[in-house]
PDB file of all heavy atoms in Angstrom:
ATOM      1  N   ALA A   1       0.831  -1.205   0.000  1.00  0.00           N
ATOM      2  CA  ALA A   1       0.000   0.000   0.000  1.00  0.00           C
ATOM      3  C   ALA A   1       0.871   1.262   0.000  1.00  0.00           C
ATOM      4  O   ALA A   1       0.541   2.254  -0.651  1.00  0.00           O
ATOM      5  CB  ALA A   1      -0.928   0.002   1.210  1.00  0.00           C
ATOM      6  N   GLY A   2       2.002   1.202   0.704  1.00  0.00           N
ATOM      7  CA  GLY A   2       2.932   2.336   0.717  1.00  0.00           C
ATOM      8  C   GLY A   2       3.525   2.589  -0.654  1.00  0.00           C
ATOM      9  O   GLY A   2       3.602   3.733  -1.108  1.00  0.00           O
ATOM     10  N   GLY A   3       3.938   1.522  -1.334  1.00  0.00           N
ATOM     11  CA  GLY A   3       4.466   1.673  -2.693  1.00  0.00           C
ATOM     12  C   GLY A   3       3.419   2.253  -3.628  1.00  0.00           C
ATOM     13  O   GLY A   3       3.706   3.132  -4.439  1.00  0.00           O
ATOM     14  N   GLY A   4       2.192   1.772  -3.489  1.00  0.00           N
ATOM     15  CA  GLY A   4       1.109   2.294  -4.310  1.00  0.00           C
ATOM     16  C   GLY A   4       0.801   3.748  -4.001  1.00  0.00           C
ATOM     17  O   GLY A   4       0.510   4.540  -4.899  1.00  0.00           O
ATOM     18  N   ALA A   5       0.882   4.115  -2.726  1.00  0.00           N
ATOM     19  CA  ALA A   5       0.607   5.495  -2.327  1.00  0.00           C
ATOM     20  C   ALA A   5       1.631   6.458  -2.917  1.00  0.00           C
ATOM     21  O   ALA A   5       1.283   7.573  -3.319  1.00  0.00           O
ATOM     22  CB  ALA A   5       0.594   5.611  -0.804  1.00  0.00           C
ATOM     23  N   ILE A   6       2.875   6.027  -2.971  1.00  0.00           N
ATOM     24  CA  ILE A   6       3.920   6.871  -3.553  1.00  0.00           C
ATOM     25  C   ILE A   6       3.607   7.152  -5.014  1.00  0.00           C
ATOM     26  O   ILE A   6       3.631   8.306  -5.457  1.00  0.00           O
ATOM     27  CB  ILE A   6       5.308   6.207  -3.398  1.00  0.00           C
ATOM     28  CG1 ILE A   6       5.709   6.179  -1.927  1.00  0.00           C
ATOM     29  CG2 ILE A   6       6.358   6.932  -4.250  1.00  0.00           C
ATOM     30  CD1 ILE A   6       6.891   5.284  -1.615  1.00  0.00           C
ATOM     31  N   VAL A   7       3.287   6.105  -5.758  1.00  0.00           N
ATOM     32  CA  VAL A   7       2.983   6.254  -7.182  1.00  0.00           C
ATOM     33  C   VAL A   7       1.706   7.067  -7.366  1.00  0.00           C
ATOM     34  O   VAL A   7       1.631   7.939  -8.228  1.00  0.00           O
ATOM     35  CB  VAL A   7       2.872   4.863  -7.849  1.00  0.00           C
ATOM     36  CG1 VAL A   7       2.319   4.956  -9.250  1.00  0.00           C
ATOM     37  CG2 VAL A   7       4.241   4.189  -7.851  1.00  0.00           C
ATOM     38  N   GLN A   8       0.716   6.806  -6.535  1.00  0.00           N
ATOM     39  CA  GLN A   8      -0.557   7.507  -6.621  1.00  0.00           C
ATOM     40  C   GLN A   8      -0.406   8.999  -6.327  1.00  0.00           C
ATOM     41  O   GLN A   8      -1.064   9.829  -6.954  1.00  0.00           O
ATOM     42  CB  GLN A   8      -1.536   6.880  -5.626  1.00  0.00           C
ATOM     43  CG  GLN A   8      -2.901   7.524  -5.556  1.00  0.00           C
ATOM     44  CD  GLN A   8      -3.774   6.883  -4.484  1.00  0.00           C
ATOM     45  OE1 GLN A   8      -3.286   6.277  -3.529  1.00  0.00           O
ATOM     46  NE2 GLN A   8      -5.069   7.015  -4.640  1.00  0.00           N
ATOM     47  N   ALA A   9       0.453   9.344  -5.386  1.00  0.00           N
ATOM     48  CA  ALA A   9       0.583  10.739  -4.957  1.00  0.00           C
ATOM     49  C   ALA A   9       1.432  11.586  -5.900  1.00  0.00           C
ATOM     50  O   ALA A   9       1.276  12.807  -5.930  1.00  0.00           O
ATOM     51  CB  ALA A   9       1.180  10.795  -3.551  1.00  0.00           C
ATOM     52  N   ALA A  10       2.324  10.962  -6.654  1.00  0.00           N
ATOM     53  CA  ALA A  10       3.210  11.735  -7.548  1.00  0.00           C
ATOM     54  C   ALA A  10       2.373  12.582  -8.496  1.00  0.00           C
ATOM     55  O   ALA A  10       1.444  12.098  -9.127  1.00  0.00           O
ATOM     56  CB  ALA A  10       4.113  10.786  -8.329  1.00  0.00           C
ATOM     57  N   GLY A  11       2.692  13.856  -8.559  1.00  0.00           N
ATOM     58  CA  GLY A  11       1.980  14.755  -9.455  1.00  0.00           C
ATOM     59  C   GLY A  11       0.681  15.297  -8.893  1.00  0.00           C
ATOM     60  O   GLY A  11      -0.057  15.973  -9.601  1.00  0.00           O
ATOM     61  N   THR A  12       0.385  15.010  -7.625  1.00  0.00           N
ATOM     62  CA  THR A  12      -0.838  15.525  -7.009  1.00  0.00           C
ATOM     63  C   THR A  12      -0.477  16.463  -5.855  1.00  0.00           C
ATOM     64  O   THR A  12       0.690  16.602  -5.488  1.00  0.00           O
ATOM     65  CB  THR A  12      -1.719  14.383  -6.451  1.00  0.00           C
ATOM     66  OG1 THR A  12      -1.057  13.807  -5.308  1.00  0.00           O
ATOM     67  CG2 THR A  12      -1.977  13.306  -7.495  1.00  0.00           C
ATOM     68  N   ASP A  13      -1.510  17.058  -5.271  1.00  0.00           N
ATOM     69  CA  ASP A  13      -1.295  17.936  -4.119  1.00  0.00           C
ATOM     70  C   ASP A  13      -0.758  17.176  -2.910  1.00  0.00           C
ATOM     71  O   ASP A  13      -0.168  17.769  -2.016  1.00  0.00           O
ATOM     72  CB  ASP A  13      -2.603  18.635  -3.731  1.00  0.00           C
ATOM     73  CG  ASP A  13      -3.072  19.635  -4.779  1.00  0.00           C
ATOM     74  OD1 ASP A  13      -2.238  20.066  -5.608  1.00  0.00           O
ATOM     75  OD2 ASP A  13      -4.262  19.987  -4.766  1.00  0.00           O
ATOM     76  N   ALA A  14      -0.955  15.872  -2.877  1.00  0.00           N
ATOM     77  CA  ALA A  14      -0.486  15.054  -1.756  1.00  0.00           C
ATOM     78  C   ALA A  14       1.015  14.786  -1.813  1.00  0.00           C
ATOM     79  O   ALA A  14       1.601  14.337  -0.826  1.00  0.00           O
ATOM     80  CB  ALA A  14      -1.241  13.727  -1.730  1.00  0.00           C
ATOM     81  N   TRP A  15       1.655  15.060  -2.934  1.00  0.00           N
ATOM     82  CA  TRP A  15       3.039  14.653  -3.146  1.00  0.00           C
ATOM     83  C   TRP A  15       3.997  15.179  -2.084  1.00  0.00           C
ATOM     84  O   TRP A  15       4.816  14.424  -1.556  1.00  0.00           O
ATOM     85  CB  TRP A  15       3.510  15.055  -4.542  1.00  0.00           C
ATOM     86  CG  TRP A  15       4.944  14.691  -4.795  1.00  0.00           C
ATOM     87  CD1 TRP A  15       5.988  15.544  -4.984  1.00  0.00           C
ATOM     88  CD2 TRP A  15       5.505  13.374  -4.870  1.00  0.00           C
ATOM     89  NE1 TRP A  15       7.150  14.839  -5.182  1.00  0.00           N
ATOM     90  CE2 TRP A  15       6.882  13.507  -5.113  1.00  0.00           C
ATOM     91  CE3 TRP A  15       4.970  12.101  -4.753  1.00  0.00           C
ATOM     92  CZ2 TRP A  15       7.726  12.408  -5.245  1.00  0.00           C
ATOM     93  CZ3 TRP A  15       5.814  11.006  -4.877  1.00  0.00           C
ATOM     94  CH2 TRP A  15       7.177  11.172  -5.126  1.00  0.00           C
ATOM     95  N   ALA A  16       3.931  16.445  -1.764  1.00  0.00           N
ATOM     96  CA  ALA A  16       4.902  17.022  -0.810  1.00  0.00           C
ATOM     97  C   ALA A  16       4.857  16.299   0.532  1.00  0.00           C
ATOM     98  O   ALA A  16       5.903  15.953   1.099  1.00  0.00           O
ATOM     99  CB  ALA A  16       4.649  18.515  -0.628  1.00  0.00           C
ATOM    100  N   GLY A  17       3.661  16.032   1.038  1.00  0.00           N
ATOM    101  CA  GLY A  17       3.540  15.360   2.326  1.00  0.00           C
ATOM    102  C   GLY A  17       3.977  13.910   2.272  1.00  0.00           C
ATOM    103  O   GLY A  17       4.666  13.424   3.177  1.00  0.00           O
ATOM    104  N   ILE A  18       3.592  13.211   1.206  1.00  0.00           N
ATOM    105  CA  ILE A  18       3.973  11.804   1.057  1.00  0.00           C
ATOM    106  C   ILE A  18       5.480  11.706   0.862  1.00  0.00           C
ATOM    107  O   ILE A  18       6.151  10.868   1.469  1.00  0.00           O
ATOM    108  CB  ILE A  18       3.226  11.154  -0.125  1.00  0.00           C
ATOM    109  CG1 ILE A  18       1.712  11.228   0.072  1.00  0.00           C
ATOM    110  CG2 ILE A  18       3.706   9.727  -0.366  1.00  0.00           C
ATOM    111  CD1 ILE A  18       1.213  10.584   1.344  1.00  0.00           C
ATOM    112  N   ARG A  19       6.014  12.564   0.017  1.00  0.00           N
ATOM    113  CA  ARG A  19       7.455  12.573  -0.279  1.00  0.00           C
ATOM    114  C   ARG A  19       8.265  12.748   1.002  1.00  0.00           C
ATOM    115  O   ARG A  19       9.183  11.978   1.289  1.00  0.00           O
ATOM    116  CB  ARG A  19       7.750  13.697  -1.274  1.00  0.00           C
ATOM    117  CG  ARG A  19       9.198  13.877  -1.625  1.00  0.00           C
ATOM    118  CD  ARG A  19       9.332  15.082  -2.590  1.00  0.00           C
ATOM    119  NE  ARG A  19      10.694  15.351  -2.924  1.00  0.00           N
ATOM    120  CZ  ARG A  19      11.479  16.220  -2.273  1.00  0.00           C
ATOM    121  NH1 ARG A  19      11.001  16.907  -1.237  1.00  0.00           N
ATOM    122  NH2 ARG A  19      12.726  16.402  -2.645  1.00  0.00           N
ATOM    123  N   SER A  20       7.934  13.765   1.785  1.00  0.00           N
ATOM    124  CA  SER A  20       8.715  14.022   3.003  1.00  0.00           C
ATOM    125  C   SER A  20       8.497  12.930   4.043  1.00  0.00           C
ATOM    126  O   SER A  20       9.442  12.530   4.741  1.00  0.00           O
ATOM    127  CB  SER A  20       8.382  15.394   3.583  1.00  0.00           C
ATOM    128  OG  SER A  20       7.027  15.458   3.989  1.00  0.00           O
ATOM    129  N   GLY A  21       7.280  12.396   4.140  1.00  0.00           N
ATOM    130  CA  GLY A  21       7.004  11.338   5.105  1.00  0.00           C
ATOM    131  C   GLY A  21       7.747  10.049   4.792  1.00  0.00           C
ATOM    132  O   GLY A  21       8.320   9.417   5.683  1.00  0.00           O
ATOM    133  N   ILE A  22       7.736   9.655   3.532  1.00  0.00           N
ATOM    134  CA  ILE A  22       8.453   8.429   3.127  1.00  0.00           C
ATOM    135  C   ILE A  22       9.957   8.606   3.333  1.00  0.00           C
ATOM    136  O   ILE A  22      10.641   7.709   3.835  1.00  0.00           O
ATOM    137  CB  ILE A  22       8.128   8.054   1.668  1.00  0.00           C
ATOM    138  CG1 ILE A  22       6.655   7.653   1.526  1.00  0.00           C
ATOM    139  CG2 ILE A  22       9.054   6.950   1.154  1.00  0.00           C
ATOM    140  CD1 ILE A  22       6.257   6.375   2.232  1.00  0.00           C
ATOM    141  N   ALA A  23      10.478   9.768   2.969  1.00  0.00           N
ATOM    142  CA  ALA A  23      11.915  10.022   3.157  1.00  0.00           C
ATOM    143  C   ALA A  23      12.283   9.972   4.639  1.00  0.00           C
ATOM    144  O   ALA A  23      13.324   9.420   5.011  1.00  0.00           O
ATOM    145  CB  ALA A  23      12.296  11.374   2.550  1.00  0.00           C
ATOM    146  N   ARG A  24      11.416  10.515   5.481  1.00  0.00           N
ATOM    147  CA  ARG A  24      11.664  10.500   6.930  1.00  0.00           C
ATOM    148  C   ARG A  24      11.662   9.058   7.446  1.00  0.00           C
ATOM    149  O   ARG A  24      12.535   8.655   8.223  1.00  0.00           O
ATOM    150  CB  ARG A  24      10.613  11.341   7.648  1.00  0.00           C
ATOM    151  CG  ARG A  24      10.837  11.476   9.147  1.00  0.00           C
ATOM    152  CD  ARG A  24       9.756  12.316   9.830  1.00  0.00           C
ATOM    153  NE  ARG A  24       8.439  11.705   9.695  1.00  0.00           N
ATOM    154  CZ  ARG A  24       7.462  12.152   8.901  1.00  0.00           C
ATOM    155  NH1 ARG A  24       7.633  13.226   8.171  1.00  0.00           N
ATOM    156  NH2 ARG A  24       6.301  11.520   8.831  1.00  0.00           N
ATOM    157  N   ILE A  25      10.681   8.262   7.002  1.00  0.00           N
ATOM    158  CA  ILE A  25      10.590   6.871   7.449  1.00  0.00           C
ATOM    159  C   ILE A  25      11.821   6.084   7.014  1.00  0.00           C
ATOM    160  O   ILE A  25      12.435   5.378   7.811  1.00  0.00           O
ATOM    161  CB  ILE A  25       9.297   6.216   6.902  1.00  0.00           C
ATOM    162  CG1 ILE A  25       8.078   6.751   7.659  1.00  0.00           C
ATOM    163  CG2 ILE A  25       9.367   4.688   6.992  1.00  0.00           C
ATOM    164  CD1 ILE A  25       6.743   6.329   7.053  1.00  0.00           C
ATOM    165  N   LEU A  26      12.183   6.183   5.742  1.00  0.00           N
ATOM    166  CA  LEU A  26      13.313   5.409   5.234  1.00  0.00           C
ATOM    167  C   LEU A  26      14.656   5.968   5.685  1.00  0.00           C
ATOM    168  O   LEU A  26      15.627   5.220   5.793  1.00  0.00           O
ATOM    169  CB  LEU A  26      13.252   5.326   3.710  1.00  0.00           C
ATOM    170  CG  LEU A  26      12.120   4.454   3.155  1.00  0.00           C
ATOM    171  CD1 LEU A  26      11.973   4.647   1.653  1.00  0.00           C
ATOM    172  CD2 LEU A  26      12.375   2.993   3.488  1.00  0.00           C
ATOM    173  N   GLY A  27      14.722   7.262   5.953  1.00  0.00           N
ATOM    174  CA  GLY A  27      15.968   7.887   6.398  1.00  0.00           C
ATOM    175  C   GLY A  27      16.334   7.553   7.832  1.00  0.00           C
ATOM    176  O   GLY A  27      17.493   7.650   8.227  1.00  0.00           O
ATOM    177  N   ARG A  28      15.317   7.184   8.634  1.00  0.00           N
ATOM    178  CA  ARG A  28      15.522   6.776  10.026  1.00  0.00           C
ATOM    179  C   ARG A  28      16.345   7.765  10.839  1.00  0.00           C
ATOM    180  O   ARG A  28      17.200   7.394  11.634  1.00  0.00           O
ATOM    181  CB  ARG A  28      16.145   5.385  10.120  1.00  0.00           C
ATOM    182  CG  ARG A  28      15.437   4.291   9.376  1.00  0.00           C
ATOM    183  CD  ARG A  28      13.986   4.020   9.731  1.00  0.00           C
ATOM    184  NE  ARG A  28      13.760   3.832  11.141  1.00  0.00           N
ATOM    185  CZ  ARG A  28      12.743   4.385  11.802  1.00  0.00           C
ATOM    186  NH1 ARG A  28      11.883   5.156  11.191  1.00  0.00           N
ATOM    187  NH2 ARG A  28      12.582   4.164  13.080  1.00  0.00           N
ATOM    188  N   GLY A  29      16.109   9.061  10.628  1.00  0.00           N
ATOM    189  CA  GLY A  29      16.756  10.078  11.434  1.00  0.00           C
ATOM    190  C   GLY A  29      18.128  10.506  10.962  1.00  0.00           C
ATOM    191  O   GLY A  29      18.766  11.341  11.596  1.00  0.00           O
ATOM    192  N   GLU A  30      18.606   9.946   9.872  1.00  0.00           N
ATOM    193  CA  GLU A  30      19.906  10.327   9.325  1.00  0.00           C
ATOM    194  C   GLU A  30      19.676  11.248   8.132  1.00  0.00           C
ATOM    195  O   GLU A  30      19.088  10.835   7.125  1.00  0.00           O
ATOM    196  CB  GLU A  30      20.691   9.089   8.895  1.00  0.00           C
ATOM    197  CG  GLU A  30      21.048   8.172  10.046  1.00  0.00           C
ATOM    198  CD  GLU A  30      21.800   6.937   9.580  1.00  0.00           C
ATOM    199  OE1 GLU A  30      22.452   6.992   8.505  1.00  0.00           O
ATOM    200  OE2 GLU A  30      21.717   5.915  10.269  1.00  0.00           O
ATOM    201  N   SER A  31      20.160  12.467   8.233  1.00  0.00           N
ATOM    202  CA  SER A  31      19.876  13.460   7.193  1.00  0.00           C
ATOM    203  C   SER A  31      20.424  13.058   5.820  1.00  0.00           C
ATOM    204  O   SER A  31      19.782  13.308   4.803  1.00  0.00           O
ATOM    205  CB  SER A  31      20.407  14.839   7.595  1.00  0.00           C
ATOM    206  OG  SER A  31      21.812  14.791   7.759  1.00  0.00           O
TER     207      SER A  31
END
């Protein structure tokens, strides 16, 4: 569902929030 959400959000108003949230999750606190 997460992979689908990324693809679904690209190009929409949701992109900025999804983009930063996924990066935060996968980054695990490392900039």
